[in-house]
C-alpha atoms as a PDB file:
ATOM      1  CA  UNK A   1     -24.413  87.935  56.244  1.00  0.00           C
ATOM      2  CA  UNK A   2     -23.263  91.543  56.247  1.00  0.00           C
ATOM      3  CA  UNK A   3     -19.554  90.865  56.877  1.00  0.00           C
ATOM      4  CA  UNK A   4     -19.254  88.492  53.891  1.00  0.00           C
ATOM      5  CA  UNK A   5     -20.167  91.265  51.471  1.00  0.00           C
ATOM      6  CA  UNK A   6     -18.170  93.951  53.238  1.00  0.00           C
ATOM      7  CA  UNK A   7     -14.757  92.280  53.718  1.00  0.00           C
ATOM      8  CA  UNK A   8     -12.401  90.096  51.720  1.00  0.00           C
ATOM      9  CA  UNK A   9     -11.689  88.069  54.898  1.00  0.00           C
ATOM     10  CA  UNK A  10     -14.852  88.545  56.997  1.00  0.00           C
ATOM     11  CA  UNK A  11     -15.520  87.503  60.548  1.00  0.00           C
ATOM     12  CA  UNK A  12     -17.632  84.378  60.859  1.00  0.00           C
ATOM     13  CA  UNK A  13     -20.969  84.358  62.667  1.00  0.00           C
ATOM     14  CA  UNK A  14     -19.204  82.436  65.460  1.00  0.00           C
ATOM     15  CA  UNK A  15     -16.567  85.162  65.801  1.00  0.00           C
ATOM     16  CA  UNK A  16     -19.322  87.753  66.262  1.00  0.00           C
ATOM     17  CA  UNK A  17     -21.054  85.530  68.844  1.00  0.00           C
ATOM     18  CA  UNK A  18     -17.782  84.950  70.706  1.00  0.00           C
ATOM     19  CA  UNK A  19     -17.020  88.653  70.677  1.00  0.00           C
ATOM     20  CA  UNK A  20     -20.406  89.537  72.138  1.00  0.00           C
ATOM     21  CA  UNK A  21     -20.136  86.719  74.691  1.00  0.00           C
ATOM     22  CA  UNK A  22     -16.831  88.149  75.900  1.00  0.00           C
ATOM     23  CA  UNK A  23     -18.432  91.528  76.561  1.00  0.00           C
ATOM     24  CA  UNK A  24     -17.654  93.479  73.417  1.00  0.00           C
ATOM     25  CA  UNK A  25     -20.283  95.905  72.124  1.00  0.00           C
ATOM     26  CA  UNK A  26     -21.834  95.664  68.689  1.00  0.00           C
ATOM     27  CA  UNK A  27     -23.344  98.765  67.160  1.00  0.00           C
ATOM     28  CA  UNK A  28     -25.695  98.344  64.188  1.00  0.00           C
ATOM     29  CA  UNK A  29     -27.496 100.487  61.649  1.00  0.00           C
ATOM     30  CA  UNK A  30     -30.646  99.044  60.114  1.00  0.00           C
ATOM     31  CA  UNK A  31     -33.076 100.086  57.450  1.00  0.00           C
ATOM     32  CA  UNK A  32     -36.215 100.597  59.575  1.00  0.00           C
ATOM     33  CA  UNK A  33     -38.837  99.647  56.992  1.00  0.00           C
ATOM     34  CA  UNK A  34     -37.647  96.027  56.882  1.00  0.00           C
ATOM     35  CA  UNK A  35     -39.428  94.323  59.776  1.00  0.00           C
ATOM     36  CA  UNK A  36     -40.097  90.724  58.710  1.00  0.00           C
ATOM     37  CA  UNK A  37     -36.565  89.433  59.278  1.00  0.00           C
ATOM     38  CA  UNK A  38     -34.502  90.831  62.180  1.00  0.00           C
ATOM     39  CA  UNK A  39     -31.186  90.903  60.285  1.00  0.00           C
ATOM     40  CA  UNK A  40     -32.449  91.644  56.769  1.00  0.00           C
ATOM     41  CA  UNK A  41     -32.413  95.408  57.306  1.00  0.00           C
ATOM     42  CA  UNK A  42     -28.882  95.417  58.691  1.00  0.00           C
ATOM     43  CA  UNK A  43     -26.717  97.813  56.680  1.00  0.00           C
ATOM     44  CA  UNK A  44     -23.698  98.337  58.951  1.00  0.00           C
ATOM     45  CA  UNK A  45     -22.117  97.184  62.183  1.00  0.00           C
ATOM     46  CA  UNK A  46     -19.201  98.097  64.413  1.00  0.00           C
ATOM     47  CA  UNK A  47     -17.706  95.942  67.168  1.00  0.00           C
ATOM     48  CA  UNK A  48     -15.845  97.683  69.985  1.00  0.00           C
ATOM     49  CA  UNK A  49     -14.152  96.760  73.219  1.00  0.00           C
ATOM     50  CA  UNK A  50     -13.258  98.917  76.178  1.00  0.00           C
ATOM     51  CA  UNK A  51     -10.157  98.475  78.290  1.00  0.00           C
ATOM     52  CA  UNK A  52      -9.609 101.074  80.987  1.00  0.00           C
ATOM     53  CA  UNK A  53      -9.720 104.512  79.318  1.00  0.00           C
ATOM     54  CA  UNK A  54      -9.518 103.271  75.716  1.00  0.00           C
ATOM     55  CA  UNK A  55     -11.962 101.825  73.242  1.00  0.00           C
ATOM     56  CA  UNK A  56     -10.721  99.642  70.421  1.00  0.00           C
ATOM     57  CA  UNK A  57     -12.694  99.249  67.218  1.00  0.00           C
ATOM     58  CA  UNK A  58     -12.367  95.604  66.181  1.00  0.00           C
ATOM     59  CA  UNK A  59     -14.600  95.540  63.123  1.00  0.00           C
ATOM     60  CA  UNK A  60     -16.538  97.948  60.920  1.00  0.00           C
ATOM     61  CA  UNK A  61     -18.656  96.443  58.156  1.00  0.00           C
ATOM     62  CA  UNK A  62     -20.951  98.238  55.716  1.00  0.00           C
ATOM     63  CA  UNK A  63     -23.072  96.297  53.220  1.00  0.00           C
ATOM     64  CA  UNK A  64     -21.689  96.809  49.697  1.00  0.00           C
ATOM     65  CA  UNK A  65     -24.871  98.466  48.425  1.00  0.00           C
ATOM     66  CA  UNK A  66     -24.595 101.041  51.242  1.00  0.00           C
ATOM     67  CA  UNK A  67     -20.899 101.834  50.879  1.00  0.00           C
ATOM     68  CA  UNK A  68     -19.854 105.357  49.846  1.00  0.00           C
ATOM     69  CA  UNK A  69     -23.212 106.739  50.995  1.00  0.00           C
ATOM     70  CA  UNK A  70     -22.187 108.070  54.413  1.00  0.00           C
ATOM     71  CA  UNK A  71     -23.358 105.031  56.372  1.00  0.00           C
ATOM     72  CA  UNK A  72     -19.919 104.267  57.840  1.00  0.00           C
ATOM     73  CA  UNK A  73     -19.528 107.906  58.848  1.00  0.00           C
ATOM     74  CA  UNK A  74     -22.949 107.950  60.495  1.00  0.00           C
ATOM     75  CA  UNK A  75     -22.275 104.725  62.391  1.00  0.00           C
ATOM     76  CA  UNK A  76     -18.854 105.773  63.668  1.00  0.00           C
ATOM     77  CA  UNK A  77     -20.096 109.241  64.625  1.00  0.00           C
ATOM     78  CA  UNK A  78     -22.759 107.559  66.779  1.00  0.00           C
ATOM     79  CA  UNK A  79     -20.191 105.246  68.359  1.00  0.00           C
ATOM     80  CA  UNK A  80     -17.844 108.159  69.120  1.00  0.00           C
ATOM     81  CA  UNK A  81     -20.638 110.374  70.432  1.00  0.00           C
ATOM     82  CA  UNK A  82     -21.649 107.689  72.922  1.00  0.00           C
ATOM     83  CA  UNK A  83     -18.186 107.081  74.324  1.00  0.00           C
ATOM     84  CA  UNK A  84     -18.228 107.591  78.081  1.00  0.00           C
ATOM     85  CA  UNK A  85     -16.596 110.787  79.355  1.00  0.00           C
ATOM     86  CA  UNK A  86     -13.705 108.887  80.921  1.00  0.00           C
ATOM     87  CA  UNK A  87     -12.591 107.365  77.593  1.00  0.00           C
ATOM     88  CA  UNK A  88      -9.450 109.156  76.444  1.00  0.00           C
ATOM     89  CA  UNK A  89      -8.675 107.438  73.161  1.00  0.00           C
ATOM     90  CA  UNK A  90     -10.169 105.251  70.424  1.00  0.00           C
ATOM     91  CA  UNK A  91      -7.887 102.787  68.611  1.00  0.00           C
ATOM     92  CA  UNK A  92      -8.264 100.816  65.401  1.00  0.00           C
ATOM     93  CA  UNK A  93      -6.306  99.163  62.649  1.00  0.00           C
ATOM     94  CA  UNK A  94      -7.064  99.181  58.947  1.00  0.00           C
ATOM     95  CA  UNK A  95      -5.712  97.488  55.850  1.00  0.00           C
ATOM     96  CA  UNK A  96      -3.132  99.741  54.213  1.00  0.00           C
ATOM     97  CA  UNK A  97      -4.920  99.214  50.874  1.00  0.00           C
ATOM     98  CA  UNK A  98      -8.339 100.294  52.203  1.00  0.00           C
ATOM     99  CA  UNK A  99      -8.222 103.900  51.007  1.00  0.00           C
ATOM    100  CA  UNK A 100     -11.906 104.647  51.582  1.00  0.00           C
ATOM    101  CA  UNK A 101     -11.784 103.467  55.214  1.00  0.00           C
ATOM    102  CA  UNK A 102      -8.555 105.385  55.809  1.00  0.00           C
ATOM    103  CA  UNK A 103     -10.147 108.529  54.362  1.00  0.00           C
ATOM    104  CA  UNK A 104     -13.175 108.063  56.623  1.00  0.00           C
ATOM    105  CA  UNK A 105     -11.025 107.639  59.716  1.00  0.00           C
ATOM    106  CA  UNK A 106      -8.932 110.704  58.833  1.00  0.00           C
ATOM    107  CA  UNK A 107     -12.141 112.704  58.282  1.00  0.00           C
ATOM    108  CA  UNK A 108     -13.276 111.714  61.776  1.00  0.00           C
ATOM    109  CA  UNK A 109      -9.966 112.925  63.255  1.00  0.00           C
ATOM    110  CA  UNK A 110      -7.980 109.690  63.563  1.00  0.00           C
ATOM    111  CA  UNK A 111      -4.237 109.841  62.965  1.00  0.00           C
ATOM    112  CA  UNK A 112      -1.849 107.112  61.873  1.00  0.00           C
ATOM    113  CA  UNK A 113       0.383 105.916  64.702  1.00  0.00           C
ATOM    114  CA  UNK A 114       2.204 102.945  63.248  1.00  0.00           C
ATOM    115  CA  UNK A 115       2.176  99.898  61.032  1.00  0.00           C
ATOM    116  CA  UNK A 116       1.974  96.143  61.525  1.00  0.00           C
ATOM    117  CA  UNK A 117       3.894  94.487  58.700  1.00  0.00           C
ATOM    118  CA  UNK A 118       2.209  91.613  56.860  1.00  0.00           C
ATOM    119  CA  UNK A 119      -0.723  91.577  59.270  1.00  0.00           C
ATOM    120  CA  UNK A 120      -3.741  90.947  57.037  1.00  0.00           C
ATOM    121  CA  UNK A 121      -4.086  87.979  54.645  1.00  0.00           C
ATOM    122  CA  UNK A 122      -4.859  88.758  51.011  1.00  0.00           C
ATOM    123  CA  UNK A 123      -6.881  86.616  48.632  1.00  0.00           C
ATOM    124  CA  UNK A 124      -3.779  85.863  46.529  1.00  0.00           C
ATOM    125  CA  UNK A 125      -2.040  84.207  49.499  1.00  0.00           C
ATOM    126  CA  UNK A 126       0.254  87.137  50.284  1.00  0.00           C
ATOM    127  CA  UNK A 127      -0.161  89.521  53.214  1.00  0.00           C
ATOM    128  CA  UNK A 128      -0.517  93.268  53.627  1.00  0.00           C
ATOM    129  CA  UNK A 129       0.238  95.782  56.331  1.00  0.00           C
ATOM    130  CA  UNK A 130      -2.194  97.105  58.899  1.00  0.00           C
ATOM    131  CA  UNK A 131      -2.092 100.790  59.761  1.00  0.00           C
ATOM    132  CA  UNK A 132      -2.598 101.590  63.446  1.00  0.00           C
ATOM    133  CA  UNK A 133      -4.761 104.635  64.028  1.00  0.00           C
ATOM    134  CA  UNK A 134      -6.009 106.502  67.062  1.00  0.00           C
ATOM    135  CA  UNK A 135      -8.308 109.356  67.994  1.00  0.00           C
ATOM    136  CA  UNK A 136      -7.742 111.377  71.147  1.00  0.00           C
ATOM    137  CA  UNK A 137     -11.098 112.351  72.641  1.00  0.00           C
END
């Protein structure tokens, strides 16, 4: 599954199903030439939720072999371009240690608004901070 390769603590398949069942949107990028298996060509996904005039990005995952090739940028640009006109702001949080994701979000115009201490679990049993980011549309 895509998330397992993309994250140290990935969402489970059930978490994705629950998210979609509760009305969240899932955006995907696929490699078009792979047609035999519906999910085999999946290279990236983004899960979002809308509440009033804000959209929150819950998850962005890019397959390891597609990372640092512009796929995350392309996916998020599509998500942002398709935000309804009445959406004023996009919110997300990111691991403080995830420099490449932070650079991507800054490139897209997001700014850091705050920090959640010890939010994300780490593989060594400790925890790390989440940075809160937003983009005014």
